[in-house]
Amino acid sequence: MYKRIRDLRIDRDLTQHQIAQLLNISQATYSRYENGNLDVPSSVLIKLANFYNVSIDYILGQTNIAKRSYDK
């Protein structure tokens, strides 16, 4: 999961600071999410999935298909 949220951010040329602002958290907290030093709360997973337009299963590594099942 941690690599996925990092890769999603980098693929969109965003900084940790930008994502932290989106989530209303500090950059240090977001960095700990990406490094796996802090568990990502479900509310943050939902925000990230919505922001990146991917499924939570994709972020969690349960599937390699990023597209949400209800997106056509």
N, C-alpha and C. Protein backbone atom coordinates (compact mmCIF):
# COMPACT_ATOMS: atom_id res chain seq x y z
N MET A 1 0.82 -1.19 0.00
CA MET A 1 0.00 0.00 0.00
C MET A 1 0.86 1.25 0.00
N TYR A 2 1.92 1.25 0.77
CA TYR A 2 2.72 2.46 0.92
C TYR A 2 3.41 2.84 -0.39
N LYS A 3 3.88 1.83 -1.10
CA LYS A 3 4.49 2.09 -2.40
C LYS A 3 3.45 2.62 -3.38
N ARG A 4 2.24 2.10 -3.30
CA ARG A 4 1.18 2.55 -4.21
C ARG A 4 0.87 4.03 -4.02
N ILE A 5 0.73 4.48 -2.78
CA ILE A 5 0.38 5.89 -2.61
C ILE A 5 1.55 6.78 -3.03
N ARG A 6 2.76 6.29 -2.85
CA ARG A 6 3.92 7.05 -3.33
C ARG A 6 3.94 7.11 -4.85
N ASP A 7 3.73 5.95 -5.49
CA ASP A 7 3.75 5.90 -6.95
C ASP A 7 2.64 6.75 -7.56
N LEU A 8 1.45 6.72 -6.97
CA LEU A 8 0.35 7.54 -7.48
C LEU A 8 0.71 9.02 -7.43
N ARG A 9 1.33 9.42 -6.33
CA ARG A 9 1.72 10.82 -6.16
C ARG A 9 2.80 11.21 -7.18
N ILE A 10 3.81 10.39 -7.29
CA ILE A 10 4.93 10.69 -8.19
C ILE A 10 4.47 10.69 -9.66
N ASP A 11 3.61 9.74 -10.01
CA ASP A 11 3.11 9.67 -11.40
C ASP A 11 2.38 10.95 -11.81
N ARG A 12 1.87 11.67 -10.84
CA ARG A 12 1.14 12.92 -11.12
C ARG A 12 1.98 14.16 -10.83
N ASP A 13 3.28 13.93 -10.61
CA ASP A 13 4.23 15.02 -10.34
C ASP A 13 3.78 15.91 -9.18
N LEU A 14 3.33 15.28 -8.11
CA LEU A 14 2.90 16.01 -6.92
C LEU A 14 3.92 15.80 -5.80
N THR A 15 3.99 16.77 -4.91
CA THR A 15 4.88 16.66 -3.76
C THR A 15 4.11 16.10 -2.56
N GLN A 16 4.86 15.61 -1.60
CA GLN A 16 4.24 15.18 -0.35
C GLN A 16 3.50 16.35 0.29
N HIS A 17 4.09 17.52 0.20
CA HIS A 17 3.46 18.71 0.79
C HIS A 17 2.09 18.98 0.15
N GLN A 18 1.99 18.85 -1.16
CA GLN A 18 0.72 19.10 -1.85
C GLN A 18 -0.35 18.10 -1.40
N ILE A 19 0.01 16.84 -1.29
CA ILE A 19 -0.96 15.83 -0.86
C ILE A 19 -1.32 16.04 0.61
N ALA A 20 -0.34 16.39 1.41
CA ALA A 20 -0.62 16.66 2.83
C ALA A 20 -1.62 17.82 2.97
N GLN A 21 -1.46 18.85 2.16
CA GLN A 21 -2.41 19.96 2.19
C GLN A 21 -3.81 19.49 1.82
N LEU A 22 -3.91 18.67 0.79
CA LEU A 22 -5.19 18.12 0.37
C LEU A 22 -5.87 17.37 1.51
N LEU A 23 -5.07 16.64 2.27
CA LEU A 23 -5.58 15.82 3.36
C LEU A 23 -5.69 16.56 4.69
N ASN A 24 -5.23 17.80 4.72
CA ASN A 24 -5.22 18.61 5.95
C ASN A 24 -4.40 17.96 7.06
N ILE A 25 -3.23 17.48 6.67
CA ILE A 25 -2.29 16.90 7.63
C ILE A 25 -0.92 17.51 7.35
N SER A 26 0.03 17.24 8.23
CA SER A 26 1.38 17.75 8.00
C SER A 26 2.10 16.89 6.97
N GLN A 27 3.10 17.49 6.35
CA GLN A 27 3.92 16.75 5.38
C GLN A 27 4.62 15.59 6.09
N ALA A 28 5.03 15.80 7.33
CA ALA A 28 5.72 14.75 8.09
C ALA A 28 4.80 13.54 8.31
N THR A 29 3.53 13.79 8.61
CA THR A 29 2.58 12.70 8.78
C THR A 29 2.39 11.94 7.47
N TYR A 30 2.24 12.69 6.38
CA TYR A 30 2.07 12.02 5.09
C TYR A 30 3.31 11.21 4.73
N SER A 31 4.48 11.74 5.02
CA SER A 31 5.72 11.02 4.77
C SER A 31 5.74 9.70 5.53
N ARG A 32 5.26 9.70 6.75
CA ARG A 32 5.20 8.47 7.55
C ARG A 32 4.23 7.47 6.93
N TYR A 33 3.14 7.95 6.32
CA TYR A 33 2.24 7.04 5.59
C TYR A 33 2.99 6.36 4.46
N GLU A 34 3.68 7.16 3.64
CA GLU A 34 4.39 6.60 2.49
C GLU A 34 5.51 5.65 2.88
N ASN A 35 6.15 5.91 4.00
CA ASN A 35 7.25 5.07 4.45
C ASN A 35 6.79 3.85 5.23
N GLY A 36 5.50 3.77 5.51
CA GLY A 36 4.97 2.64 6.25
C GLY A 36 5.21 2.73 7.74
N ASN A 37 5.57 3.90 8.23
CA ASN A 37 5.82 4.09 9.65
C ASN A 37 4.56 4.45 10.42
N LEU A 38 3.47 4.68 9.69
CA LEU A 38 2.20 5.06 10.31
C LEU A 38 1.08 4.48 9.46
N ASP A 39 0.13 3.81 10.09
CA ASP A 39 -1.00 3.26 9.35
C ASP A 39 -1.87 4.38 8.79
N VAL A 40 -2.35 4.18 7.59
CA VAL A 40 -3.19 5.17 6.92
C VAL A 40 -4.63 4.95 7.37
N PRO A 41 -5.25 5.97 7.98
CA PRO A 41 -6.64 5.82 8.42
C PRO A 41 -7.57 5.62 7.22
N SER A 42 -8.69 4.94 7.46
CA SER A 42 -9.63 4.67 6.37
C SER A 42 -10.15 5.96 5.75
N SER A 43 -10.33 7.01 6.52
CA SER A 43 -10.81 8.27 5.96
C SER A 43 -9.80 8.85 4.97
N VAL A 44 -8.53 8.66 5.23
CA VAL A 44 -7.48 9.13 4.33
C VAL A 44 -7.44 8.25 3.08
N LEU A 45 -7.61 6.94 3.24
CA LEU A 45 -7.66 6.05 2.09
C LEU A 45 -8.79 6.45 1.14
N ILE A 46 -9.93 6.78 1.70
CA ILE A 46 -11.08 7.19 0.89
C ILE A 46 -10.75 8.47 0.13
N LYS A 47 -10.17 9.45 0.82
CA LYS A 47 -9.81 10.71 0.16
C LYS A 47 -8.80 10.49 -0.95
N LEU A 48 -7.81 9.65 -0.71
CA LEU A 48 -6.80 9.38 -1.73
C LEU A 48 -7.40 8.66 -2.93
N ALA A 49 -8.24 7.67 -2.67
CA ALA A 49 -8.88 6.94 -3.76
C ALA A 49 -9.73 7.88 -4.61
N ASN A 50 -10.47 8.76 -3.97
CA ASN A 50 -11.29 9.72 -4.70
C ASN A 50 -10.43 10.70 -5.48
N PHE A 51 -9.37 11.18 -4.86
CA PHE A 51 -8.49 12.15 -5.51
C PHE A 51 -7.82 11.55 -6.74
N TYR A 52 -7.30 10.34 -6.60
CA TYR A 52 -6.59 9.70 -7.70
C TYR A 52 -7.52 8.94 -8.66
N ASN A 53 -8.80 8.86 -8.28
CA ASN A 53 -9.81 8.14 -9.07
C ASN A 53 -9.42 6.68 -9.28
N VAL A 54 -9.04 6.05 -8.19
CA VAL A 54 -8.72 4.62 -8.18
C VAL A 54 -9.51 3.96 -7.06
N SER A 55 -9.54 2.64 -7.07
CA SER A 55 -10.24 1.93 -6.00
C SER A 55 -9.36 1.84 -4.76
N ILE A 56 -10.01 1.68 -3.64
CA ILE A 56 -9.26 1.46 -2.39
C ILE A 56 -8.53 0.13 -2.47
N ASP A 57 -9.14 -0.86 -3.12
CA ASP A 57 -8.47 -2.16 -3.30
C ASP A 57 -7.15 -1.98 -4.04
N TYR A 58 -7.12 -1.09 -5.03
CA TYR A 58 -5.88 -0.83 -5.75
C TYR A 58 -4.83 -0.24 -4.82
N ILE A 59 -5.22 0.75 -4.03
CA ILE A 59 -4.27 1.36 -3.08
C ILE A 59 -3.76 0.32 -2.10
N LEU A 60 -4.63 -0.57 -1.65
CA LEU A 60 -4.24 -1.59 -0.67
C LEU A 60 -3.45 -2.74 -1.28
N GLY A 61 -3.35 -2.77 -2.62
CA GLY A 61 -2.60 -3.83 -3.27
C GLY A 61 -3.38 -5.11 -3.45
N GLN A 62 -4.71 -5.06 -3.31
CA GLN A 62 -5.54 -6.24 -3.48
C GLN A 62 -5.84 -6.54 -4.95
N THR A 63 -5.61 -5.54 -5.81
CA THR A 63 -5.78 -5.71 -7.24
C THR A 63 -4.77 -4.82 -7.96
N ASN A 64 -4.44 -5.19 -9.16
CA ASN A 64 -3.56 -4.35 -9.98
C ASN A 64 -4.35 -3.51 -10.97
N ILE A 65 -5.66 -3.59 -10.87
CA ILE A 65 -6.54 -2.80 -11.74
C ILE A 65 -6.93 -1.54 -10.98
N ALA A 66 -6.45 -0.41 -11.47
CA ALA A 66 -6.67 0.85 -10.76
C ALA A 66 -8.10 1.35 -10.90
N LYS A 67 -8.74 1.04 -12.02
CA LYS A 67 -10.08 1.55 -12.29
C LYS A 67 -11.08 1.03 -11.27
N ARG A 68 -11.94 1.91 -10.81
CA ARG A 68 -12.99 1.49 -9.89
C ARG A 68 -14.03 0.67 -10.64
N SER A 69 -14.61 -0.30 -9.98
CA SER A 69 -15.56 -1.20 -10.65
C SER A 69 -16.81 -0.48 -11.12
N TYR A 70 -17.17 0.61 -10.46
CA TYR A 70 -18.39 1.33 -10.86
C TYR A 70 -18.11 2.43 -11.89
N ASP A 71 -16.84 2.66 -12.23
CA ASP A 71 -16.51 3.60 -13.30
C ASP A 71 -16.63 2.89 -14.63
N LYS A 72 -17.21 3.53 -15.58
CA LYS A 72 -17.37 2.93 -16.91
C LYS A 72 -16.42 3.56 -17.89
